[in-house]
Amino acid sequence: MNDAEKTRVTVDIYGMQYRLMGNSSTEYMQKVAGHVNEQMNKIAKGHPRLDLPRIAVLAAVNVADEYFRMKEQWEERLNDQEVREWQQKYSKLEQAHNALLRERETAAAKPPGDCEECARLREELAKLQEEYEKLQNEYNEWIQLTENE
Protein backbone atom coordinates (compact mmCIF):
# COMPACT_ATOMS: atom_id res chain seq x y z
CA MET A 1 0.00 0.00 0.00
CA ASN A 2 1.53 3.32 -1.01
CA ASP A 3 1.13 6.59 0.89
CA ALA A 4 -1.79 7.70 -1.29
CA GLU A 5 -3.79 4.61 -0.29
CA LYS A 6 -3.13 4.86 3.45
CA THR A 7 -5.73 6.06 5.92
CA ARG A 8 -5.17 9.52 7.34
CA VAL A 9 -6.87 10.83 10.45
CA THR A 10 -6.38 13.72 12.86
CA VAL A 11 -6.69 12.74 16.52
CA ASP A 12 -6.50 14.57 19.83
CA ILE A 13 -4.16 13.11 22.43
CA TYR A 14 -3.76 14.95 25.71
CA GLY A 15 -4.89 18.24 24.20
CA MET A 16 -2.62 18.09 21.16
CA GLN A 17 -3.59 17.35 17.57
CA TYR A 18 -1.73 14.59 15.74
CA ARG A 19 -2.10 13.56 12.10
CA LEU A 20 -1.86 9.77 11.91
CA MET A 21 -1.37 7.72 8.77
CA GLY A 22 -1.63 3.95 8.56
CA ASN A 23 -3.15 0.84 7.02
CA SER A 24 -6.00 0.58 9.56
CA SER A 25 -9.48 2.05 9.40
CA THR A 26 -10.19 5.57 10.64
CA GLU A 27 -12.31 4.14 13.46
CA TYR A 28 -9.53 1.84 14.60
CA MET A 29 -6.92 4.59 14.56
CA GLN A 30 -9.25 6.86 16.56
CA LYS A 31 -9.85 4.04 19.04
CA VAL A 32 -6.10 3.54 19.55
CA ALA A 33 -5.51 7.28 19.96
CA GLY A 34 -8.43 7.44 22.40
CA HIS A 35 -6.85 4.72 24.50
CA VAL A 36 -3.53 6.57 24.64
CA ASN A 37 -5.38 9.77 25.51
CA GLU A 38 -7.23 8.01 28.35
CA GLN A 39 -3.98 6.59 29.71
CA MET A 40 -2.26 9.97 29.69
CA ASN A 41 -5.21 11.74 31.34
CA LYS A 42 -5.48 9.02 33.98
CA ILE A 43 -1.77 9.36 34.84
CA ALA A 44 -1.91 13.17 34.84
CA LYS A 45 -4.95 13.11 37.14
CA GLY A 46 -3.20 10.82 39.63
CA HIS A 47 0.14 12.67 39.43
CA PRO A 48 -0.50 16.37 38.72
CA ARG A 49 3.16 17.40 39.07
CA LEU A 50 4.44 15.21 36.23
CA ASP A 51 5.53 16.91 33.03
CA LEU A 52 4.36 15.86 29.55
CA PRO A 53 7.33 13.61 28.64
CA ARG A 54 6.99 11.64 31.88
CA ILE A 55 3.23 11.31 31.42
CA ALA A 56 3.80 10.04 27.86
CA VAL A 57 6.44 7.51 28.97
CA LEU A 58 4.26 6.20 31.81
CA ALA A 59 1.32 5.89 29.40
CA ALA A 60 3.55 3.94 27.01
CA VAL A 61 4.63 1.69 29.88
CA ASN A 62 0.99 1.09 30.85
CA VAL A 63 0.02 0.25 27.26
CA ALA A 64 3.02 -2.08 26.92
CA ASP A 65 2.06 -3.74 30.21
CA GLU A 66 -1.50 -4.28 28.91
CA TYR A 67 -0.10 -5.72 25.69
CA PHE A 68 2.16 -8.22 27.43
CA ARG A 69 -0.57 -9.29 29.86
CA MET A 70 -3.00 -9.85 26.99
CA LYS A 71 -0.36 -11.73 25.01
CA GLU A 72 0.33 -13.97 27.99
CA GLN A 73 -3.39 -14.63 28.44
CA TRP A 74 -3.68 -15.47 24.75
CA GLU A 75 -0.76 -17.89 24.94
CA GLU A 76 -2.31 -19.55 27.98
CA ARG A 77 -5.59 -19.85 26.14
CA LEU A 78 -3.86 -21.56 23.26
CA ASN A 79 -2.81 -24.26 25.66
CA ASP A 80 -6.28 -24.69 27.09
CA GLN A 81 -8.83 -27.40 26.58
CA GLU A 82 -10.43 -25.89 23.48
CA VAL A 83 -7.18 -26.04 21.54
CA ARG A 84 -6.52 -29.59 22.68
CA GLU A 85 -10.02 -30.55 21.52
CA TRP A 86 -9.37 -29.01 18.09
CA GLN A 87 -6.09 -30.86 17.87
CA GLN A 88 -7.82 -34.14 18.79
CA LYS A 89 -10.57 -33.55 16.23
CA TYR A 90 -7.96 -32.77 13.62
CA SER A 91 -6.00 -35.90 14.48
CA LYS A 92 -9.10 -38.15 14.38
CA LEU A 93 -10.21 -36.69 11.08
CA GLU A 94 -6.75 -37.13 9.65
CA GLN A 95 -6.75 -40.78 10.75
CA ALA A 96 -10.20 -41.35 9.22
CA HIS A 97 -9.07 -39.68 6.03
CA ASN A 98 -6.00 -41.91 5.80
CA ALA A 99 -8.08 -45.03 6.57
CA LEU A 100 -10.47 -44.16 3.75
CA LEU A 101 -7.60 -43.62 1.39
CA ARG A 102 -6.36 -47.12 2.25
CA GLU A 103 -9.88 -48.53 1.78
CA ARG A 104 -10.11 -46.82 -1.58
CA GLU A 105 -6.83 -48.37 -2.67
CA THR A 106 -8.10 -51.77 -1.54
CA ALA A 107 -11.44 -51.28 -3.31
CA ALA A 108 -9.70 -50.21 -6.49
CA ALA A 109 -7.84 -53.52 -6.49
CA LYS A 110 -11.09 -55.52 -6.25
CA PRO A 111 -12.86 -56.89 -9.33
CA PRO A 112 -15.40 -54.62 -11.11
CA GLY A 113 -18.34 -56.46 -9.46
CA ASP A 114 -17.85 -54.39 -6.29
CA CYS A 115 -18.74 -51.06 -7.97
CA GLU A 116 -21.53 -50.26 -5.51
CA GLU A 117 -19.10 -50.50 -2.59
CA CYS A 118 -16.54 -48.43 -4.52
CA ALA A 119 -19.13 -45.72 -5.16
CA ARG A 120 -20.10 -45.62 -1.50
CA LEU A 121 -16.45 -45.38 -0.46
CA ARG A 122 -15.77 -42.63 -3.00
CA GLU A 123 -18.74 -40.67 -1.67
CA GLU A 124 -17.64 -41.15 1.94
CA LEU A 125 -14.07 -40.25 1.03
CA ALA A 126 -15.17 -37.06 -0.72
CA LYS A 127 -17.16 -35.98 2.36
CA LEU A 128 -14.27 -36.76 4.68
CA GLN A 129 -11.79 -34.97 2.44
CA GLU A 130 -13.99 -31.88 2.48
CA GLU A 131 -14.33 -32.01 6.27
CA TYR A 132 -10.60 -32.72 6.62
CA GLU A 133 -9.66 -29.70 4.50
CA LYS A 134 -12.02 -27.46 6.45
CA LEU A 135 -10.61 -28.58 9.78
CA GLN A 136 -7.06 -28.36 8.46
CA ASN A 137 -7.69 -24.74 7.39
CA GLU A 138 -9.12 -23.87 10.81
CA TYR A 139 -6.19 -25.55 12.52
CA ASN A 140 -3.72 -23.65 10.31
CA GLU A 141 -5.49 -20.39 11.18
CA TRP A 142 -4.99 -21.14 14.90
CA ILE A 143 -1.32 -21.83 14.28
CA GLN A 144 -0.92 -18.58 12.29
CA LEU A 145 -2.62 -16.60 15.06
CA THR A 146 -0.21 -17.98 17.64
CA GLU A 147 2.80 -17.30 15.45
CA ASN A 148 1.64 -13.72 14.77
CA GLU A 149 1.30 -12.99 18.46
C-alpha atoms as a PDB file:
ATOM      1  CA  MET A   1       0.000   0.000   0.000  1.00  0.00           C
ATOM      2  CA  ASN A   2       1.525   3.316  -1.012  1.00  0.00           C
ATOM      3  CA  ASP A   3       1.130   6.592   0.886  1.00  0.00           C
ATOM      4  CA  ALA A   4      -1.788   7.704  -1.292  1.00  0.00           C
ATOM      5  CA  GLU A   5      -3.789   4.606  -0.290  1.00  0.00           C
ATOM      6  CA  LYS A   6      -3.129   4.863   3.451  1.00  0.00           C
ATOM      7  CA  THR A   7      -5.734   6.062   5.916  1.00  0.00           C
ATOM      8  CA  ARG A   8      -5.165   9.521   7.341  1.00  0.00           C
ATOM      9  CA  VAL A   9      -6.873  10.826  10.452  1.00  0.00           C
ATOM     10  CA  THR A  10      -6.378  13.715  12.856  1.00  0.00           C
ATOM     11  CA  VAL A  11      -6.690  12.745  16.523  1.00  0.00           C
ATOM     12  CA  ASP A  12      -6.499  14.570  19.828  1.00  0.00           C
ATOM     13  CA  ILE A  13      -4.158  13.113  22.435  1.00  0.00           C
ATOM     14  CA  TYR A  14      -3.763  14.950  25.714  1.00  0.00           C
ATOM     15  CA  GLY A  15      -4.888  18.241  24.204  1.00  0.00           C
ATOM     16  CA  MET A  16      -2.623  18.095  21.162  1.00  0.00           C
ATOM     17  CA  GLN A  17      -3.591  17.351  17.570  1.00  0.00           C
ATOM     18  CA  TYR A  18      -1.735  14.588  15.740  1.00  0.00           C
ATOM     19  CA  ARG A  19      -2.101  13.562  12.105  1.00  0.00           C
ATOM     20  CA  LEU A  20      -1.862   9.771  11.907  1.00  0.00           C
ATOM     21  CA  MET A  21      -1.370   7.725   8.765  1.00  0.00           C
ATOM     22  CA  GLY A  22      -1.629   3.950   8.564  1.00  0.00           C
ATOM     23  CA  ASN A  23      -3.154   0.837   7.024  1.00  0.00           C
ATOM     24  CA  SER A  24      -6.000   0.579   9.562  1.00  0.00           C
ATOM     25  CA  SER A  25      -9.480   2.054   9.401  1.00  0.00           C
ATOM     26  CA  THR A  26     -10.190   5.567  10.642  1.00  0.00           C
ATOM     27  CA  GLU A  27     -12.309   4.140  13.461  1.00  0.00           C
ATOM     28  CA  TYR A  28      -9.534   1.842  14.605  1.00  0.00           C
ATOM     29  CA  MET A  29      -6.919   4.590  14.557  1.00  0.00           C
ATOM     30  CA  GLN A  30      -9.249   6.856  16.564  1.00  0.00           C
ATOM     31  CA  LYS A  31      -9.851   4.042  19.043  1.00  0.00           C
ATOM     32  CA  VAL A  32      -6.102   3.545  19.546  1.00  0.00           C
ATOM     33  CA  ALA A  33      -5.509   7.279  19.965  1.00  0.00           C
ATOM     34  CA  GLY A  34      -8.432   7.437  22.399  1.00  0.00           C
ATOM     35  CA  HIS A  35      -6.851   4.720  24.501  1.00  0.00           C
ATOM     36  CA  VAL A  36      -3.528   6.571  24.635  1.00  0.00           C
ATOM     37  CA  ASN A  37      -5.376   9.771  25.513  1.00  0.00           C
ATOM     38  CA  GLU A  38      -7.230   8.005  28.347  1.00  0.00           C
ATOM     39  CA  GLN A  39      -3.977   6.586  29.710  1.00  0.00           C
ATOM     40  CA  MET A  40      -2.260   9.966  29.690  1.00  0.00           C
ATOM     41  CA  ASN A  41      -5.210  11.738  31.343  1.00  0.00           C
ATOM     42  CA  LYS A  42      -5.476   9.018  33.984  1.00  0.00           C
ATOM     43  CA  ILE A  43      -1.770   9.356  34.841  1.00  0.00           C
ATOM     44  CA  ALA A  44      -1.913  13.166  34.837  1.00  0.00           C
ATOM     45  CA  LYS A  45      -4.948  13.110  37.141  1.00  0.00           C
ATOM     46  CA  GLY A  46      -3.196  10.821  39.627  1.00  0.00           C
ATOM     47  CA  HIS A  47       0.143  12.672  39.433  1.00  0.00           C
ATOM     48  CA  PRO A  48      -0.505  16.366  38.718  1.00  0.00           C
ATOM     49  CA  ARG A  49       3.163  17.395  39.067  1.00  0.00           C
ATOM     50  CA  LEU A  50       4.441  15.209  36.230  1.00  0.00           C
ATOM     51  CA  ASP A  51       5.529  16.913  33.028  1.00  0.00           C
ATOM     52  CA  LEU A  52       4.360  15.863  29.546  1.00  0.00           C
ATOM     53  CA  PRO A  53       7.332  13.611  28.637  1.00  0.00           C
ATOM     54  CA  ARG A  54       6.988  11.638  31.881  1.00  0.00           C
ATOM     55  CA  ILE A  55       3.228  11.306  31.416  1.00  0.00           C
ATOM     56  CA  ALA A  56       3.801  10.041  27.859  1.00  0.00           C
ATOM     57  CA  VAL A  57       6.439   7.514  28.969  1.00  0.00           C
ATOM     58  CA  LEU A  58       4.257   6.203  31.807  1.00  0.00           C
ATOM     59  CA  ALA A  59       1.317   5.888  29.396  1.00  0.00           C
ATOM     60  CA  ALA A  60       3.546   3.943  27.007  1.00  0.00           C
ATOM     61  CA  VAL A  61       4.632   1.686  29.881  1.00  0.00           C
ATOM     62  CA  ASN A  62       0.992   1.093  30.852  1.00  0.00           C
ATOM     63  CA  VAL A  63       0.020   0.254  27.264  1.00  0.00           C
ATOM     64  CA  ALA A  64       3.024  -2.082  26.925  1.00  0.00           C
ATOM     65  CA  ASP A  65       2.055  -3.742  30.208  1.00  0.00           C
ATOM     66  CA  GLU A  66      -1.499  -4.276  28.912  1.00  0.00           C
ATOM     67  CA  TYR A  67      -0.103  -5.716  25.690  1.00  0.00           C
ATOM     68  CA  PHE A  68       2.163  -8.221  27.430  1.00  0.00           C
ATOM     69  CA  ARG A  69      -0.566  -9.290  29.861  1.00  0.00           C
ATOM     70  CA  MET A  70      -2.997  -9.847  26.988  1.00  0.00           C
ATOM     71  CA  LYS A  71      -0.364 -11.730  25.013  1.00  0.00           C
ATOM     72  CA  GLU A  72       0.334 -13.968  27.994  1.00  0.00           C
ATOM     73  CA  GLN A  73      -3.391 -14.630  28.445  1.00  0.00           C
ATOM     74  CA  TRP A  74      -3.678 -15.472  24.751  1.00  0.00           C
ATOM     75  CA  GLU A  75      -0.763 -17.892  24.938  1.00  0.00           C
ATOM     76  CA  GLU A  76      -2.311 -19.546  27.981  1.00  0.00           C
ATOM     77  CA  ARG A  77      -5.587 -19.854  26.139  1.00  0.00           C
ATOM     78  CA  LEU A  78      -3.860 -21.560  23.260  1.00  0.00           C
ATOM     79  CA  ASN A  79      -2.810 -24.257  25.657  1.00  0.00           C
ATOM     80  CA  ASP A  80      -6.280 -24.690  27.095  1.00  0.00           C
ATOM     81  CA  GLN A  81      -8.832 -27.396  26.579  1.00  0.00           C
ATOM     82  CA  GLU A  82     -10.430 -25.892  23.478  1.00  0.00           C
ATOM     83  CA  VAL A  83      -7.184 -26.039  21.543  1.00  0.00           C
ATOM     84  CA  ARG A  84      -6.521 -29.594  22.682  1.00  0.00           C
ATOM     85  CA  GLU A  85     -10.018 -30.546  21.523  1.00  0.00           C
ATOM     86  CA  TRP A  86      -9.371 -29.007  18.092  1.00  0.00           C
ATOM     87  CA  GLN A  87      -6.086 -30.864  17.867  1.00  0.00           C
ATOM     88  CA  GLN A  88      -7.822 -34.136  18.791  1.00  0.00           C
ATOM     89  CA  LYS A  89     -10.573 -33.552  16.227  1.00  0.00           C
ATOM     90  CA  TYR A  90      -7.959 -32.766  13.617  1.00  0.00           C
ATOM     91  CA  SER A  91      -6.003 -35.900  14.479  1.00  0.00           C
ATOM     92  CA  LYS A  92      -9.099 -38.145  14.379  1.00  0.00           C
ATOM     93  CA  LEU A  93     -10.213 -36.692  11.081  1.00  0.00           C
ATOM     94  CA  GLU A  94      -6.748 -37.126   9.649  1.00  0.00           C
ATOM     95  CA  GLN A  95      -6.747 -40.781  10.750  1.00  0.00           C
ATOM     96  CA  ALA A  96     -10.201 -41.351   9.225  1.00  0.00           C
ATOM     97  CA  HIS A  97      -9.066 -39.680   6.026  1.00  0.00           C
ATOM     98  CA  ASN A  98      -6.005 -41.912   5.803  1.00  0.00           C
ATOM     99  CA  ALA A  99      -8.078 -45.027   6.567  1.00  0.00           C
ATOM    100  CA  LEU A 100     -10.472 -44.164   3.748  1.00  0.00           C
ATOM    101  CA  LEU A 101      -7.597 -43.625   1.385  1.00  0.00           C
ATOM    102  CA  ARG A 102      -6.356 -47.117   2.249  1.00  0.00           C
ATOM    103  CA  GLU A 103      -9.882 -48.533   1.781  1.00  0.00           C
ATOM    104  CA  ARG A 104     -10.110 -46.816  -1.578  1.00  0.00           C
ATOM    105  CA  GLU A 105      -6.830 -48.366  -2.673  1.00  0.00           C
ATOM    106  CA  THR A 106      -8.102 -51.773  -1.539  1.00  0.00           C
ATOM    107  CA  ALA A 107     -11.443 -51.280  -3.307  1.00  0.00           C
ATOM    108  CA  ALA A 108      -9.703 -50.206  -6.493  1.00  0.00           C
ATOM    109  CA  ALA A 109      -7.835 -53.520  -6.495  1.00  0.00           C
ATOM    110  CA  LYS A 110     -11.092 -55.518  -6.246  1.00  0.00           C
ATOM    111  CA  PRO A 111     -12.858 -56.890  -9.334  1.00  0.00           C
ATOM    112  CA  PRO A 112     -15.400 -54.623 -11.106  1.00  0.00           C
ATOM    113  CA  GLY A 113     -18.340 -56.464  -9.461  1.00  0.00           C
ATOM    114  CA  ASP A 114     -17.846 -54.385  -6.291  1.00  0.00           C
ATOM    115  CA  CYS A 115     -18.744 -51.060  -7.974  1.00  0.00           C
ATOM    116  CA  GLU A 116     -21.534 -50.258  -5.508  1.00  0.00           C
ATOM    117  CA  GLU A 117     -19.104 -50.504  -2.592  1.00  0.00           C
ATOM    118  CA  CYS A 118     -16.542 -48.427  -4.519  1.00  0.00           C
ATOM    119  CA  ALA A 119     -19.127 -45.722  -5.163  1.00  0.00           C
ATOM    120  CA  ARG A 120     -20.098 -45.625  -1.495  1.00  0.00           C
ATOM    121  CA  LEU A 121     -16.454 -45.383  -0.456  1.00  0.00           C
ATOM    122  CA  ARG A 122     -15.768 -42.632  -2.997  1.00  0.00           C
ATOM    123  CA  GLU A 123     -18.738 -40.674  -1.666  1.00  0.00           C
ATOM    124  CA  GLU A 124     -17.642 -41.146   1.940  1.00  0.00           C
ATOM    125  CA  LEU A 125     -14.065 -40.248   1.030  1.00  0.00           C
ATOM    126  CA  ALA A 126     -15.175 -37.062  -0.716  1.00  0.00           C
ATOM    127  CA  LYS A 127     -17.163 -35.985   2.359  1.00  0.00           C
ATOM    128  CA  LEU A 128     -14.272 -36.761   4.678  1.00  0.00           C
ATOM    129  CA  GLN A 129     -11.787 -34.966   2.443  1.00  0.00           C
ATOM    130  CA  GLU A 130     -13.993 -31.879   2.481  1.00  0.00           C
ATOM    131  CA  GLU A 131     -14.327 -32.008   6.274  1.00  0.00           C
ATOM    132  CA  TYR A 132     -10.604 -32.723   6.617  1.00  0.00           C
ATOM    133  CA  GLU A 133      -9.662 -29.702   4.497  1.00  0.00           C
ATOM    134  CA  LYS A 134     -12.023 -27.456   6.446  1.00  0.00           C
ATOM    135  CA  LEU A 135     -10.609 -28.578   9.781  1.00  0.00           C
ATOM    136  CA  GLN A 136      -7.062 -28.358   8.461  1.00  0.00           C
ATOM    137  CA  ASN A 137      -7.688 -24.741   7.386  1.00  0.00           C
ATOM    138  CA  GLU A 138      -9.124 -23.875  10.809  1.00  0.00           C
ATOM    139  CA  TYR A 139      -6.186 -25.548  12.523  1.00  0.00           C
ATOM    140  CA  ASN A 140      -3.721 -23.649  10.309  1.00  0.00           C
ATOM    141  CA  GLU A 141      -5.488 -20.387  11.179  1.00  0.00           C
ATOM    142  CA  TRP A 142      -4.993 -21.144  14.902  1.00  0.00           C
ATOM    143  CA  ILE A 143      -1.320 -21.828  14.278  1.00  0.00           C
ATOM    144  CA  GLN A 144      -0.916 -18.583  12.294  1.00  0.00           C
ATOM    145  CA  LEU A 145      -2.618 -16.602  15.060  1.00  0.00           C
ATOM    146  CA  THR A 146      -0.215 -17.984  17.642  1.00  0.00           C
ATOM    147  CA  GLU A 147       2.796 -17.296  15.446  1.00  0.00           C
ATOM    148  CA  ASN A 148       1.642 -13.722  14.766  1.00  0.00           C
ATOM    149  CA  GLU A 149       1.301 -12.992  18.464  1.00  0.00           C
END
